[in-house]
Amino acid sequence: MENLISIAVNSIFVGNILLAYFLGMCSFVAISKNMKTAAGLGVAVIFVLTVTTPVNWLIYRFLLAPGALAWAGFPEVNLSYLKLVLFIATIAAMVQALEMVIDRYSPALYVSLGVFLPLITVNCAILGVSLFMVERAYTFPETAVFGASSGMGWALAIIAMSAIQKKLRYADVPEGLQGFAINMITTGLMAIGFMLFAGISM
């Protein structure tokens, strides 16, 4: 249990998929201008990561890993080279389902997310979490916690950035730093702030 809490805290704060690894920056920069849209995309990312990461673990463990097909009588078969293709296919299926649900129940959010909703499929943060799960050899419970926590960390980062951008509209930002430059400086300062949680010991 302590290990799962440690993974959750690390994924949300210290090892934040966005602020520590800078994965998923394109939608982060584009969508964080509006709080409601940022929150909606954050919830969508949490959902996609919570579902796809454990599903990809099952696919890798029982189909792709070296010796995974021993149950089918093919212990020597190694299909791990297919993990990128199948991981992306799983993510695409989940995003398509999510897109249909949002379009049905929240048309305003669907319109405001625009092209960035289907682009969750190729959001490097979503794929990165599944690849980290394989690289770190997590168990299924660890993978489930890692996926959900990474989504929460990404959502926390984009919502915090949206709140900061709202305040920056009334700030006296030097002309040369306005726009993208101040956003990148703010993102760097947020990353430093999140790294302070590294001192927490479980």
N, C-alpha and C. Protein backbone atom coordinates (compact mmCIF):
# COMPACT_ATOMS: atom_id res chain seq x y z
N MET A 1 0.83 -1.21 0.00
CA MET A 1 0.00 0.00 0.00
C MET A 1 0.87 1.27 0.00
N GLU A 2 1.92 1.22 0.81
CA GLU A 2 2.84 2.37 0.89
C GLU A 2 3.50 2.64 -0.45
N ASN A 3 3.80 1.55 -1.18
CA ASN A 3 4.42 1.69 -2.50
C ASN A 3 3.46 2.37 -3.48
N LEU A 4 2.17 2.04 -3.40
CA LEU A 4 1.18 2.63 -4.29
C LEU A 4 1.01 4.12 -4.00
N ILE A 5 1.02 4.48 -2.71
CA ILE A 5 0.92 5.89 -2.33
C ILE A 5 2.14 6.66 -2.84
N SER A 6 3.31 6.03 -2.72
CA SER A 6 4.54 6.65 -3.19
C SER A 6 4.50 6.90 -4.70
N ILE A 7 4.00 5.91 -5.46
CA ILE A 7 3.87 6.05 -6.91
C ILE A 7 2.89 7.18 -7.24
N ALA A 8 1.78 7.25 -6.49
CA ALA A 8 0.77 8.29 -6.75
C ALA A 8 1.34 9.68 -6.50
N VAL A 9 1.99 9.87 -5.35
CA VAL A 9 2.55 11.19 -5.01
C VAL A 9 3.62 11.58 -6.02
N ASN A 10 4.46 10.62 -6.38
CA ASN A 10 5.53 10.91 -7.36
C ASN A 10 4.95 11.28 -8.72
N SER A 11 3.92 10.55 -9.15
CA SER A 11 3.33 10.80 -10.47
C SER A 11 2.62 12.13 -10.55
N ILE A 12 2.00 12.54 -9.46
CA ILE A 12 1.26 13.80 -9.46
C ILE A 12 2.19 15.00 -9.32
N PHE A 13 3.22 14.88 -8.49
CA PHE A 13 4.04 16.04 -8.17
C PHE A 13 5.46 15.94 -8.74
N VAL A 14 6.31 15.16 -8.11
CA VAL A 14 7.74 15.14 -8.46
C VAL A 14 7.97 14.66 -9.90
N GLY A 15 7.37 13.54 -10.25
CA GLY A 15 7.55 12.99 -11.60
C GLY A 15 6.39 13.33 -12.51
N ASN A 16 5.81 14.52 -12.33
CA ASN A 16 4.67 14.96 -13.15
C ASN A 16 5.01 14.78 -14.63
N ILE A 17 4.14 14.08 -15.33
CA ILE A 17 4.42 13.71 -16.72
C ILE A 17 4.61 14.94 -17.61
N LEU A 18 3.99 16.05 -17.22
CA LEU A 18 4.09 17.27 -18.03
C LEU A 18 5.25 18.15 -17.57
N LEU A 19 5.35 18.37 -16.27
CA LEU A 19 6.33 19.32 -15.76
C LEU A 19 7.72 18.72 -15.53
N ALA A 20 7.79 17.40 -15.37
CA ALA A 20 9.11 16.77 -15.19
C ALA A 20 9.66 16.23 -16.51
N TYR A 21 8.75 15.73 -17.36
CA TYR A 21 9.19 15.12 -18.62
C TYR A 21 8.79 15.96 -19.85
N PHE A 22 7.98 17.01 -19.62
CA PHE A 22 7.51 17.91 -20.68
C PHE A 22 6.84 17.14 -21.82
N LEU A 23 6.01 16.17 -21.46
CA LEU A 23 5.21 15.42 -22.43
C LEU A 23 3.78 15.99 -22.45
N GLY A 24 3.24 16.17 -23.61
CA GLY A 24 1.89 16.73 -23.74
C GLY A 24 1.87 18.25 -23.71
N MET A 25 2.98 18.87 -24.10
CA MET A 25 3.10 20.32 -24.03
C MET A 25 2.24 21.04 -25.07
N CYS A 26 2.00 20.43 -26.23
CA CYS A 26 1.28 21.14 -27.30
C CYS A 26 -0.13 21.51 -26.86
N SER A 27 -0.89 20.53 -26.36
CA SER A 27 -2.25 20.82 -25.91
C SER A 27 -2.23 21.64 -24.62
N PHE A 28 -1.21 21.45 -23.80
CA PHE A 28 -1.07 22.22 -22.56
C PHE A 28 -0.97 23.71 -22.86
N VAL A 29 -0.13 24.08 -23.80
CA VAL A 29 0.07 25.50 -24.14
C VAL A 29 -1.17 26.07 -24.83
N ALA A 30 -1.78 25.29 -25.72
CA ALA A 30 -2.90 25.81 -26.52
C ALA A 30 -4.20 25.93 -25.74
N ILE A 31 -4.47 24.96 -24.86
CA ILE A 31 -5.77 24.90 -24.18
C ILE A 31 -5.78 25.65 -22.86
N SER A 32 -4.61 25.91 -22.27
CA SER A 32 -4.57 26.50 -20.92
C SER A 32 -5.01 27.96 -20.87
N LYS A 33 -5.40 28.53 -22.00
CA LYS A 33 -5.84 29.92 -22.00
C LYS A 33 -7.23 30.10 -21.37
N ASN A 34 -8.03 29.03 -21.34
CA ASN A 34 -9.40 29.09 -20.83
C ASN A 34 -9.57 28.07 -19.72
N MET A 35 -10.02 28.50 -18.55
CA MET A 35 -10.11 27.62 -17.38
C MET A 35 -11.08 26.45 -17.61
N LYS A 36 -12.26 26.74 -18.14
CA LYS A 36 -13.27 25.70 -18.33
C LYS A 36 -12.79 24.63 -19.31
N THR A 37 -12.19 25.08 -20.41
CA THR A 37 -11.68 24.15 -21.41
C THR A 37 -10.51 23.35 -20.85
N ALA A 38 -9.63 24.01 -20.10
CA ALA A 38 -8.49 23.33 -19.50
C ALA A 38 -8.95 22.25 -18.53
N ALA A 39 -9.96 22.57 -17.71
CA ALA A 39 -10.49 21.59 -16.76
C ALA A 39 -11.13 20.42 -17.51
N GLY A 40 -11.86 20.72 -18.59
CA GLY A 40 -12.49 19.65 -19.37
C GLY A 40 -11.47 18.73 -20.00
N LEU A 41 -10.40 19.30 -20.57
CA LEU A 41 -9.36 18.48 -21.17
C LEU A 41 -8.62 17.69 -20.09
N GLY A 42 -8.41 18.32 -18.93
CA GLY A 42 -7.75 17.62 -17.82
C GLY A 42 -8.52 16.39 -17.39
N VAL A 43 -9.84 16.52 -17.27
CA VAL A 43 -10.69 15.37 -16.90
C VAL A 43 -10.63 14.30 -17.99
N ALA A 44 -10.63 14.74 -19.26
CA ALA A 44 -10.55 13.79 -20.38
C ALA A 44 -9.23 13.00 -20.34
N VAL A 45 -8.13 13.69 -20.04
CA VAL A 45 -6.82 13.03 -19.96
C VAL A 45 -6.79 12.04 -18.78
N ILE A 46 -7.36 12.44 -17.64
CA ILE A 46 -7.43 11.53 -16.49
C ILE A 46 -8.17 10.25 -16.88
N PHE A 47 -9.32 10.42 -17.55
CA PHE A 47 -10.12 9.25 -17.95
C PHE A 47 -9.34 8.35 -18.90
N VAL A 48 -8.76 8.95 -19.93
CA VAL A 48 -8.04 8.16 -20.94
C VAL A 48 -6.86 7.42 -20.30
N LEU A 49 -6.08 8.10 -19.46
CA LEU A 49 -4.93 7.44 -18.82
C LEU A 49 -5.37 6.37 -17.83
N THR A 50 -6.44 6.61 -17.09
CA THR A 50 -6.92 5.64 -16.10
C THR A 50 -7.36 4.34 -16.77
N VAL A 51 -7.94 4.46 -17.97
CA VAL A 51 -8.43 3.27 -18.67
C VAL A 51 -7.35 2.62 -19.53
N THR A 52 -6.63 3.44 -20.31
CA THR A 52 -5.72 2.85 -21.30
C THR A 52 -4.45 2.26 -20.69
N THR A 53 -3.95 2.83 -19.60
CA THR A 53 -2.69 2.30 -19.04
C THR A 53 -2.85 0.87 -18.53
N PRO A 54 -3.88 0.56 -17.71
CA PRO A 54 -4.05 -0.85 -17.32
C PRO A 54 -4.36 -1.78 -18.49
N VAL A 55 -5.14 -1.29 -19.46
CA VAL A 55 -5.45 -2.12 -20.63
C VAL A 55 -4.18 -2.43 -21.41
N ASN A 56 -3.33 -1.43 -21.57
CA ASN A 56 -2.06 -1.66 -22.27
C ASN A 56 -1.15 -2.59 -21.48
N TRP A 57 -1.23 -2.54 -20.14
CA TRP A 57 -0.45 -3.48 -19.32
C TRP A 57 -0.88 -4.90 -19.61
N LEU A 58 -2.21 -5.13 -19.68
CA LEU A 58 -2.73 -6.47 -19.96
C LEU A 58 -2.31 -6.95 -21.35
N ILE A 59 -2.38 -6.04 -22.32
CA ILE A 59 -1.98 -6.38 -23.68
C ILE A 59 -0.50 -6.77 -23.72
N TYR A 60 0.32 -5.96 -23.06
CA TYR A 60 1.75 -6.25 -23.06
C TYR A 60 2.06 -7.54 -22.30
N ARG A 61 1.45 -7.71 -21.14
CA ARG A 61 1.76 -8.85 -20.26
C ARG A 61 1.32 -10.17 -20.87
N PHE A 62 0.17 -10.21 -21.54
CA PHE A 62 -0.38 -11.48 -22.02
C PHE A 62 -0.28 -11.68 -23.53
N LEU A 63 0.22 -10.66 -24.26
CA LEU A 63 0.35 -10.84 -25.71
C LEU A 63 1.74 -10.48 -26.26
N LEU A 64 2.36 -9.43 -25.73
CA LEU A 64 3.54 -8.88 -26.38
C LEU A 64 4.87 -9.19 -25.71
N ALA A 65 4.90 -9.30 -24.40
CA ALA A 65 6.17 -9.47 -23.68
C ALA A 65 6.85 -10.79 -24.07
N PRO A 66 8.18 -10.85 -23.93
CA PRO A 66 8.88 -12.11 -24.22
C PRO A 66 8.30 -13.25 -23.38
N GLY A 67 7.86 -14.32 -24.05
CA GLY A 67 7.27 -15.47 -23.36
C GLY A 67 5.83 -15.28 -22.95
N ALA A 68 5.19 -14.16 -23.34
CA ALA A 68 3.82 -13.88 -22.92
C ALA A 68 2.81 -14.86 -23.52
N LEU A 69 3.15 -15.43 -24.68
CA LEU A 69 2.22 -16.34 -25.34
C LEU A 69 2.43 -17.80 -24.94
N ALA A 70 3.08 -18.00 -23.81
CA ALA A 70 3.28 -19.38 -23.31
C ALA A 70 1.95 -20.06 -23.06
N TRP A 71 0.95 -19.29 -22.63
CA TRP A 71 -0.38 -19.85 -22.38
C TRP A 71 -1.02 -20.40 -23.66
N ALA A 72 -0.59 -19.88 -24.82
CA ALA A 72 -1.13 -20.33 -26.10
C ALA A 72 -0.24 -21.39 -26.76
N GLY A 73 0.84 -21.79 -26.07
CA GLY A 73 1.73 -22.81 -26.61
C GLY A 73 2.87 -22.25 -27.44
N PHE A 74 3.14 -20.93 -27.33
CA PHE A 74 4.23 -20.31 -28.09
C PHE A 74 5.16 -19.55 -27.14
N PRO A 75 5.86 -20.24 -26.24
CA PRO A 75 6.69 -19.55 -25.24
C PRO A 75 7.88 -18.81 -25.83
N GLU A 76 8.30 -19.17 -27.04
CA GLU A 76 9.49 -18.54 -27.63
C GLU A 76 9.15 -17.27 -28.42
N VAL A 77 7.88 -17.01 -28.62
CA VAL A 77 7.47 -15.85 -29.43
C VAL A 77 7.62 -14.55 -28.63
N ASN A 78 8.21 -13.53 -29.27
CA ASN A 78 8.39 -12.22 -28.64
C ASN A 78 7.82 -11.16 -29.57
N LEU A 79 6.67 -10.60 -29.18
CA LEU A 79 6.00 -9.59 -30.00
C LEU A 79 6.14 -8.18 -29.43
N SER A 80 7.13 -7.99 -28.57
CA SER A 80 7.26 -6.69 -27.90
C SER A 80 7.50 -5.54 -28.87
N TYR A 81 7.99 -5.85 -30.08
CA TYR A 81 8.23 -4.79 -31.07
C TYR A 81 6.91 -4.16 -31.57
N LEU A 82 5.78 -4.81 -31.26
CA LEU A 82 4.48 -4.29 -31.68
C LEU A 82 3.82 -3.38 -30.65
N LYS A 83 4.53 -3.14 -29.53
CA LYS A 83 3.87 -2.42 -28.44
C LYS A 83 3.44 -1.01 -28.83
N LEU A 84 4.24 -0.30 -29.61
CA LEU A 84 3.85 1.06 -30.02
C LEU A 84 2.55 1.04 -30.82
N VAL A 85 2.44 0.13 -31.77
CA VAL A 85 1.26 0.05 -32.62
C VAL A 85 0.01 -0.27 -31.81
N LEU A 86 0.11 -1.29 -30.95
CA LEU A 86 -1.07 -1.71 -30.19
C LEU A 86 -1.41 -0.72 -29.09
N PHE A 87 -0.43 -0.11 -28.47
CA PHE A 87 -0.70 0.91 -27.45
C PHE A 87 -1.46 2.08 -28.07
N ILE A 88 -1.00 2.53 -29.23
CA ILE A 88 -1.66 3.66 -29.90
C ILE A 88 -3.07 3.27 -30.35
N ALA A 89 -3.26 2.04 -30.81
CA ALA A 89 -4.59 1.58 -31.21
C ALA A 89 -5.55 1.58 -30.02
N THR A 90 -5.07 1.14 -28.87
CA THR A 90 -5.89 1.14 -27.65
C THR A 90 -6.27 2.56 -27.25
N ILE A 91 -5.28 3.45 -27.27
CA ILE A 91 -5.51 4.85 -26.92
C ILE A 91 -6.51 5.48 -27.90
N ALA A 92 -6.36 5.20 -29.19
CA ALA A 92 -7.26 5.76 -30.21
C ALA A 92 -8.69 5.30 -29.98
N ALA A 93 -8.88 4.03 -29.63
CA ALA A 93 -10.23 3.50 -29.39
C ALA A 93 -10.87 4.19 -28.19
N MET A 94 -10.11 4.38 -27.12
CA MET A 94 -10.64 5.05 -25.92
C MET A 94 -10.98 6.51 -26.20
N VAL A 95 -10.11 7.20 -26.92
CA VAL A 95 -10.35 8.61 -27.23
C VAL A 95 -11.58 8.76 -28.12
N GLN A 96 -11.76 7.84 -29.06
CA GLN A 96 -12.93 7.88 -29.93
C GLN A 96 -14.21 7.73 -29.11
N ALA A 97 -14.20 6.80 -28.16
CA ALA A 97 -15.37 6.61 -27.29
C ALA A 97 -15.62 7.85 -26.45
N LEU A 98 -14.55 8.42 -25.90
CA LEU A 98 -14.67 9.64 -25.09
C LEU A 98 -15.20 10.80 -25.92
N GLU A 99 -14.73 10.92 -27.14
CA GLU A 99 -15.16 12.00 -28.03
C GLU A 99 -16.67 11.91 -28.29
N MET A 100 -17.18 10.70 -28.49
CA MET A 100 -18.61 10.52 -28.74
C MET A 100 -19.44 10.88 -27.51
N VAL A 101 -18.92 10.52 -26.33
CA VAL A 101 -19.64 10.82 -25.09
C VAL A 101 -19.70 12.33 -24.85
N ILE A 102 -18.56 13.02 -25.02
CA ILE A 102 -18.52 14.48 -24.81
C ILE A 102 -19.41 15.19 -25.83
N ASP A 103 -19.38 14.75 -27.08
CA ASP A 103 -20.21 15.35 -28.13
C ASP A 103 -21.69 15.18 -27.81
N ARG A 104 -22.03 14.05 -27.19
CA ARG A 104 -23.44 13.77 -26.87
C ARG A 104 -23.92 14.56 -25.66
N TYR A 105 -23.09 14.64 -24.61
CA TYR A 105 -23.56 15.21 -23.34
C TYR A 105 -23.05 16.62 -23.05
N SER A 106 -22.00 17.08 -23.74
CA SER A 106 -21.50 18.44 -23.51
C SER A 106 -21.00 19.04 -24.83
N PRO A 107 -21.94 19.42 -25.70
CA PRO A 107 -21.54 19.97 -27.01
C PRO A 107 -20.65 21.21 -26.90
N ALA A 108 -20.90 22.04 -25.88
CA ALA A 108 -20.11 23.26 -25.71
C ALA A 108 -18.64 22.92 -25.44
N LEU A 109 -18.41 21.94 -24.55
CA LEU A 109 -17.04 21.51 -24.25
C LEU A 109 -16.41 20.87 -25.49
N TYR A 110 -17.21 20.11 -26.22
CA TYR A 110 -16.72 19.45 -27.44
C TYR A 110 -16.22 20.48 -28.45
N VAL A 111 -16.99 21.56 -28.62
CA VAL A 111 -16.61 22.61 -29.56
C VAL A 111 -15.38 23.37 -29.06
N SER A 112 -15.32 23.66 -27.75
CA SER A 112 -14.20 24.43 -27.22
C SER A 112 -12.89 23.64 -27.26
N LEU A 113 -12.97 22.32 -27.07
CA LEU A 113 -11.76 21.49 -27.16
C LEU A 113 -11.27 21.40 -28.60
N GLY A 114 -12.21 21.44 -29.53
CA GLY A 114 -11.85 21.45 -30.94
C GLY A 114 -10.97 20.28 -31.35
N VAL A 115 -9.92 20.59 -32.08
CA VAL A 115 -9.04 19.56 -32.64
C VAL A 115 -8.22 18.87 -31.56
N PHE A 116 -8.11 19.48 -30.36
CA PHE A 116 -7.25 18.90 -29.34
C PHE A 116 -7.85 17.68 -28.66
N LEU A 117 -9.17 17.48 -28.80
CA LEU A 117 -9.77 16.26 -28.24
C LEU A 117 -9.33 15.03 -29.02
N PRO A 118 -9.53 14.98 -30.35
CA PRO A 118 -9.00 13.81 -31.08
C PRO A 118 -7.48 13.71 -31.02
N LEU A 119 -6.79 14.85 -30.81
CA LEU A 119 -5.33 14.82 -30.74
C LEU A 119 -4.81 14.19 -29.44
N ILE A 120 -5.73 13.91 -28.47
CA ILE A 120 -5.30 13.16 -27.28
C ILE A 120 -4.72 11.82 -27.72
N THR A 121 -5.22 11.30 -28.84
CA THR A 121 -4.72 10.02 -29.36
C THR A 121 -3.21 10.06 -29.56
N VAL A 122 -2.71 11.18 -30.08
CA VAL A 122 -1.27 11.28 -30.34
C VAL A 122 -0.58 12.16 -29.30
N ASN A 123 -1.26 12.43 -28.19
CA ASN A 123 -0.63 13.18 -27.10
C ASN A 123 0.49 12.32 -26.53
N CYS A 124 1.71 12.82 -26.59
CA CYS A 124 2.85 12.01 -26.17
C CYS A 124 2.79 11.66 -24.68
N ALA A 125 2.04 12.44 -23.88
CA ALA A 125 1.91 12.11 -22.46
C ALA A 125 1.16 10.80 -22.28
N ILE A 126 0.11 10.58 -23.07
CA ILE A 126 -0.72 9.37 -22.96
C ILE A 126 0.13 8.14 -23.32
N LEU A 127 0.82 8.21 -24.44
CA LEU A 127 1.67 7.09 -24.87
C LEU A 127 2.86 6.94 -23.93
N GLY A 128 3.42 8.07 -23.47
CA GLY A 128 4.58 8.02 -22.58
C GLY A 128 4.31 7.26 -21.30
N VAL A 129 3.11 7.43 -20.74
CA VAL A 129 2.77 6.73 -19.49
C VAL A 129 2.77 5.22 -19.72
N SER A 130 2.21 4.76 -20.84
CA SER A 130 2.20 3.32 -21.14
C SER A 130 3.62 2.80 -21.35
N LEU A 131 4.47 3.59 -22.01
CA LEU A 131 5.86 3.15 -22.23
C LEU A 131 6.65 3.14 -20.92
N PHE A 132 6.41 4.13 -20.05
CA PHE A 132 7.07 4.14 -18.74
C PHE A 132 6.64 2.94 -17.92
N MET A 133 5.36 2.57 -18.05
CA MET A 133 4.84 1.41 -17.32
C MET A 133 5.61 0.14 -17.69
N VAL A 134 5.91 -0.01 -18.97
CA VAL A 134 6.69 -1.18 -19.42
C VAL A 134 8.12 -1.08 -18.94
N GLU A 135 8.72 0.10 -19.10
CA GLU A 135 10.12 0.29 -18.74
C GLU A 135 10.37 0.06 -17.25
N ARG A 136 9.43 0.48 -16.42
CA ARG A 136 9.59 0.36 -14.97
C ARG A 136 9.10 -0.97 -14.41
N ALA A 137 8.57 -1.84 -15.28
CA ALA A 137 8.11 -3.18 -14.90
C ALA A 137 7.13 -3.13 -13.73
N TYR A 138 6.13 -2.25 -13.84
CA TYR A 138 5.11 -2.15 -12.79
C TYR A 138 4.19 -3.36 -12.80
N THR A 139 3.66 -3.70 -11.63
CA THR A 139 2.62 -4.72 -11.52
C THR A 139 1.29 -4.08 -11.96
N PHE A 140 0.23 -4.89 -12.04
CA PHE A 140 -1.06 -4.33 -12.48
C PHE A 140 -1.58 -3.25 -11.53
N PRO A 141 -1.60 -3.48 -10.19
CA PRO A 141 -2.06 -2.39 -9.30
C PRO A 141 -1.19 -1.13 -9.41
N GLU A 142 0.12 -1.32 -9.52
CA GLU A 142 1.02 -0.17 -9.66
C GLU A 142 0.73 0.58 -10.96
N THR A 143 0.44 -0.17 -12.02
CA THR A 143 0.13 0.45 -13.31
C THR A 143 -1.16 1.25 -13.24
N ALA A 144 -2.19 0.69 -12.58
CA ALA A 144 -3.47 1.39 -12.46
C ALA A 144 -3.30 2.71 -11.70
N VAL A 145 -2.54 2.65 -10.59
CA VAL A 145 -2.29 3.87 -9.80
C VAL A 145 -1.45 4.86 -10.60
N PHE A 146 -0.43 4.37 -11.28
CA PHE A 146 0.45 5.22 -12.08
C PHE A 146 -0.32 5.94 -13.18
N GLY A 147 -1.21 5.22 -13.88
CA GLY A 147 -1.99 5.82 -14.95
C GLY A 147 -2.92 6.91 -14.45
N ALA A 148 -3.70 6.59 -13.40
CA ALA A 148 -4.64 7.57 -12.86
C ALA A 148 -3.91 8.78 -12.28
N SER A 149 -2.82 8.54 -11.56
CA SER A 149 -2.07 9.63 -10.92
C SER A 149 -1.39 10.52 -11.96
N SER A 150 -0.88 9.92 -13.02
CA SER A 150 -0.26 10.72 -14.08
C SER A 150 -1.29 11.63 -14.73
N GLY A 151 -2.51 11.11 -14.92
CA GLY A 151 -3.58 11.93 -15.45
C GLY A 151 -3.93 13.08 -14.52
N MET A 152 -3.98 12.79 -13.22
CA MET A 152 -4.26 13.85 -12.23
C MET A 152 -3.16 14.91 -12.23
N GLY A 153 -1.92 14.46 -12.35
CA GLY A 153 -0.80 15.40 -12.39
C GLY A 153 -0.87 16.30 -13.61
N TRP A 154 -1.21 15.71 -14.77
CA TRP A 154 -1.33 16.50 -15.99
C TRP A 154 -2.47 17.50 -15.86
N ALA A 155 -3.61 17.03 -15.33
CA ALA A 155 -4.77 17.92 -15.16
C ALA A 155 -4.45 19.05 -14.17
N LEU A 156 -3.77 18.71 -13.08
CA LEU A 156 -3.39 19.73 -12.09
C LEU A 156 -2.51 20.80 -12.71
N ALA A 157 -1.58 20.36 -13.55
CA ALA A 157 -0.65 21.31 -14.19
C ALA A 157 -1.38 22.24 -15.14
N ILE A 158 -2.29 21.71 -15.97
CA ILE A 158 -2.96 22.57 -16.95
C ILE A 158 -3.97 23.50 -16.28
N ILE A 159 -4.62 23.03 -15.21
CA ILE A 159 -5.56 23.90 -14.49
C ILE A 159 -4.80 25.00 -13.76
N ALA A 160 -3.68 24.66 -13.15
CA ALA A 160 -2.86 25.67 -12.47
C ALA A 160 -2.34 26.70 -13.47
N MET A 161 -1.91 26.24 -14.64
CA MET A 161 -1.42 27.15 -15.67
C MET A 161 -2.52 28.07 -16.16
N SER A 162 -3.74 27.52 -16.28
CA SER A 162 -4.87 28.33 -16.72
C SER A 162 -5.18 29.43 -15.71
N ALA A 163 -5.11 29.09 -14.41
CA ALA A 163 -5.36 30.08 -13.37
C ALA A 163 -4.28 31.17 -13.38
N ILE A 164 -3.03 30.77 -13.59
CA ILE A 164 -1.93 31.74 -13.63
C ILE A 164 -2.08 32.65 -14.85
N GLN A 165 -2.45 32.06 -16.00
CA GLN A 165 -2.62 32.88 -17.21
C GLN A 165 -3.73 33.91 -17.04
N LYS A 166 -4.77 33.53 -16.28
CA LYS A 166 -5.86 34.47 -16.02
C LYS A 166 -5.34 35.69 -15.25
N LYS A 167 -4.44 35.45 -14.30
CA LYS A 167 -3.84 36.56 -13.53
C LYS A 167 -2.85 37.36 -14.39
N LEU A 168 -2.15 36.67 -15.28
CA LEU A 168 -1.15 37.35 -16.11
C LEU A 168 -1.76 38.36 -17.08
N ARG A 169 -3.05 38.21 -17.37
CA ARG A 169 -3.71 39.17 -18.26
C ARG A 169 -3.69 40.58 -17.68
N TYR A 170 -3.65 40.66 -16.36
CA TYR A 170 -3.66 41.97 -15.69
C TYR A 170 -2.28 42.36 -15.17
N ALA A 171 -1.27 41.56 -15.52
CA ALA A 171 0.09 41.85 -15.06
C ALA A 171 0.81 42.73 -16.08
N ASP A 172 1.79 43.45 -15.60
CA ASP A 172 2.59 44.32 -16.46
C ASP A 172 3.81 43.54 -16.97
N VAL A 173 3.56 42.67 -17.95
CA VAL A 173 4.62 41.82 -18.50
C VAL A 173 5.41 42.63 -19.53
N PRO A 174 6.75 42.64 -19.46
CA PRO A 174 7.56 43.35 -20.46
C PRO A 174 7.20 42.91 -21.88
N GLU A 175 7.25 43.84 -22.79
CA GLU A 175 6.79 43.57 -24.16
C GLU A 175 7.49 42.37 -24.79
N GLY A 176 8.78 42.23 -24.56
CA GLY A 176 9.53 41.13 -25.16
C GLY A 176 9.19 39.75 -24.60
N LEU A 177 8.50 39.71 -23.44
CA LEU A 177 8.17 38.45 -22.80
C LEU A 177 6.70 38.09 -22.92
N GLN A 178 5.91 38.93 -23.56
CA GLN A 178 4.48 38.67 -23.66
C GLN A 178 4.19 37.47 -24.54
N GLY A 179 3.10 36.76 -24.21
CA GLY A 179 2.68 35.61 -25.02
C GLY A 179 3.40 34.32 -24.65
N PHE A 180 3.96 33.68 -25.67
CA PHE A 180 4.57 32.36 -25.50
C PHE A 180 5.74 32.38 -24.52
N ALA A 181 6.54 33.44 -24.54
CA ALA A 181 7.74 33.50 -23.69
C ALA A 181 7.38 33.45 -22.21
N ILE A 182 6.42 34.26 -21.79
CA ILE A 182 6.04 34.27 -20.37
C ILE A 182 5.38 32.96 -19.98
N ASN A 183 4.69 32.32 -20.93
CA ASN A 183 4.09 31.01 -20.65
C ASN A 183 5.16 29.96 -20.38
N MET A 184 6.24 30.00 -21.14
CA MET A 184 7.32 29.03 -20.93
C MET A 184 8.07 29.30 -19.62
N ILE A 185 8.26 30.57 -19.31
CA ILE A 185 8.90 30.92 -18.03
C ILE A 185 8.04 30.44 -16.86
N THR A 186 6.73 30.67 -16.98
CA THR A 186 5.79 30.24 -15.94
C THR A 186 5.80 28.72 -15.79
N THR A 187 5.82 28.02 -16.93
CA THR A 187 5.87 26.55 -16.89
C THR A 187 7.13 26.06 -16.19
N GLY A 188 8.26 26.69 -16.48
CA GLY A 188 9.52 26.33 -15.82
C GLY A 188 9.48 26.56 -14.32
N LEU A 189 8.89 27.69 -13.90
CA LEU A 189 8.76 27.98 -12.47
C LEU A 189 7.82 26.99 -11.79
N MET A 190 6.75 26.61 -12.49
CA MET A 190 5.83 25.60 -11.95
C MET A 190 6.56 24.27 -11.76
N ALA A 191 7.39 23.91 -12.75
CA ALA A 191 8.15 22.65 -12.66
C ALA A 191 9.08 22.66 -11.45
N ILE A 192 9.74 23.80 -11.21
CA ILE A 192 10.61 23.92 -10.04
C ILE A 192 9.79 23.78 -8.75
N GLY A 193 8.62 24.43 -8.73
CA GLY A 193 7.75 24.34 -7.56
C GLY A 193 7.31 22.91 -7.27
N PHE A 194 6.94 22.17 -8.32
CA PHE A 194 6.51 20.78 -8.14
C PHE A 194 7.67 19.90 -7.66
N MET A 195 8.89 20.24 -8.08
CA MET A 195 10.05 19.45 -7.67
C MET A 195 10.33 19.55 -6.18
N LEU A 196 9.79 20.58 -5.52
CA LEU A 196 9.98 20.72 -4.07
C LEU A 196 9.36 19.57 -3.30
N PHE A 197 8.38 18.88 -3.94
CA PHE A 197 7.76 17.74 -3.27
C PHE A 197 8.69 16.54 -3.20
N ALA A 198 9.85 16.63 -3.83
CA ALA A 198 10.82 15.53 -3.79
C ALA A 198 11.29 15.24 -2.37
N GLY A 199 11.16 16.20 -1.48
CA GLY A 199 11.59 15.99 -0.09
C GLY A 199 10.63 15.17 0.74
N ILE A 200 9.45 14.87 0.18
CA ILE A 200 8.46 14.07 0.93
C ILE A 200 8.94 12.62 0.97
N SER A 201 8.98 12.05 2.15
CA SER A 201 9.37 10.63 2.28
C SER A 201 8.19 9.83 2.79
N MET A 202 8.01 8.67 2.19
CA MET A 202 6.87 7.81 2.55
C MET A 202 7.31 6.74 3.54
